[in-house]
Amino acid sequence: MSCLKNCGMSIIEMKEYLKLCLEGESSIPERQKILDIKLKELNNKISEIQESIDYIHWKQNFYNDVLSGKTKYYSNLIND
């Protein structure tokens, strides 16, 4: 159950998955579909997190360049 929860399954999804498990081998294709959906969702989350990490790295590099004098500071939020 912990593994399923860590995969992002809701309680309803976990109950459905476990019900299928109890049906035996015949339900493997249906369980695979459930896991495929969760895998896609997790991969999307990884992509979103990676985009956020990339932005933070870019922003930190920009600030470092400004502080070192390499780049002139600018902001899209402030009209100069």
Protein backbone atom coordinates (compact mmCIF):
# COMPACT_ATOMS: atom_id res chain seq x y z
CA MET A 1 0.00 0.00 0.00
CA SER A 2 2.83 2.39 0.82
CA CYS A 3 4.37 1.85 -2.60
CA LEU A 4 1.06 2.58 -4.31
CA LYS A 5 0.55 5.69 -2.20
CA ASN A 6 4.09 6.86 -3.02
CA CYS A 7 3.24 6.40 -6.70
CA GLY A 8 0.51 9.00 -6.27
CA MET A 9 -2.48 6.69 -6.18
CA SER A 10 -5.58 7.87 -4.37
CA ILE A 11 -7.33 5.57 -1.91
CA ILE A 12 -9.99 4.85 -4.52
CA GLU A 13 -7.31 3.94 -7.09
CA MET A 14 -5.47 1.75 -4.58
CA LYS A 15 -8.69 -0.11 -3.74
CA GLU A 16 -9.36 -0.71 -7.44
CA TYR A 17 -5.78 -1.87 -8.03
CA LEU A 18 -5.89 -4.25 -5.06
CA LYS A 19 -9.26 -5.60 -6.18
CA LEU A 20 -7.67 -6.39 -9.55
CA CYS A 21 -4.68 -8.02 -7.84
CA LEU A 22 -7.03 -10.34 -5.99
CA GLU A 23 -8.55 -11.39 -9.32
CA GLY A 24 -5.22 -12.92 -10.24
CA GLU A 25 -3.25 -13.14 -13.45
CA SER A 26 -6.19 -12.35 -15.71
CA SER A 27 -6.24 -8.74 -14.48
CA ILE A 28 -2.58 -8.03 -15.24
CA PRO A 29 -3.32 -6.08 -18.47
CA GLU A 30 -5.72 -3.81 -16.61
CA ARG A 31 -3.19 -3.29 -13.79
CA GLN A 32 -0.55 -2.45 -16.37
CA LYS A 33 -2.82 0.27 -17.78
CA ILE A 34 -3.25 1.76 -14.31
CA LEU A 35 0.51 1.74 -13.75
CA ASP A 36 1.13 3.25 -17.20
CA ILE A 37 -1.15 6.16 -16.34
CA LYS A 38 0.64 6.73 -13.02
CA LEU A 39 4.02 6.52 -14.76
CA LYS A 40 2.99 9.20 -17.26
CA GLU A 41 1.75 11.42 -14.44
CA LEU A 42 5.00 10.99 -12.51
CA ASN A 43 7.09 11.70 -15.62
CA ASN A 44 5.09 14.90 -16.15
CA LYS A 45 5.79 15.91 -12.56
CA ILE A 46 9.50 15.24 -13.08
CA SER A 47 9.44 17.48 -16.16
CA GLU A 48 7.69 20.27 -14.25
CA ILE A 49 10.14 20.00 -11.36
CA GLN A 50 13.10 19.99 -13.76
CA GLU A 51 11.79 23.16 -15.43
CA SER A 52 11.58 24.82 -12.02
CA ILE A 53 15.10 23.69 -11.12
CA ASP A 54 16.41 24.99 -14.47
CA TYR A 55 14.75 28.36 -13.86
CA ILE A 56 16.26 28.65 -10.39
CA HIS A 57 19.71 27.80 -11.77
CA TRP A 58 19.29 30.39 -14.52
CA LYS A 59 18.17 33.04 -12.01
CA GLN A 60 21.05 32.26 -9.62
CA ASN A 61 23.53 32.54 -12.49
CA PHE A 62 21.97 35.86 -13.53
CA TYR A 63 22.29 37.19 -9.98
CA ASN A 64 25.89 35.98 -9.74
CA ASP A 65 26.69 37.70 -13.05
CA VAL A 66 25.09 40.93 -11.83
CA LEU A 67 26.96 40.83 -8.51
CA SER A 68 30.28 40.15 -10.26
CA GLY A 69 29.73 43.03 -12.71
CA LYS A 70 29.55 40.73 -15.71
CA THR A 71 25.92 41.65 -16.48
CA LYS A 72 23.92 44.81 -15.99
CA TYR A 73 20.88 44.29 -13.78
CA TYR A 74 17.48 44.45 -15.36
CA SER A 75 14.00 43.47 -14.23
CA ASN A 76 10.80 42.89 -16.12
CA LEU A 77 8.96 44.03 -13.01
CA ILE A 78 10.54 47.46 -12.69
CA ASN A 79 10.32 50.20 -15.31
CA ASP A 80 13.63 52.04 -15.49
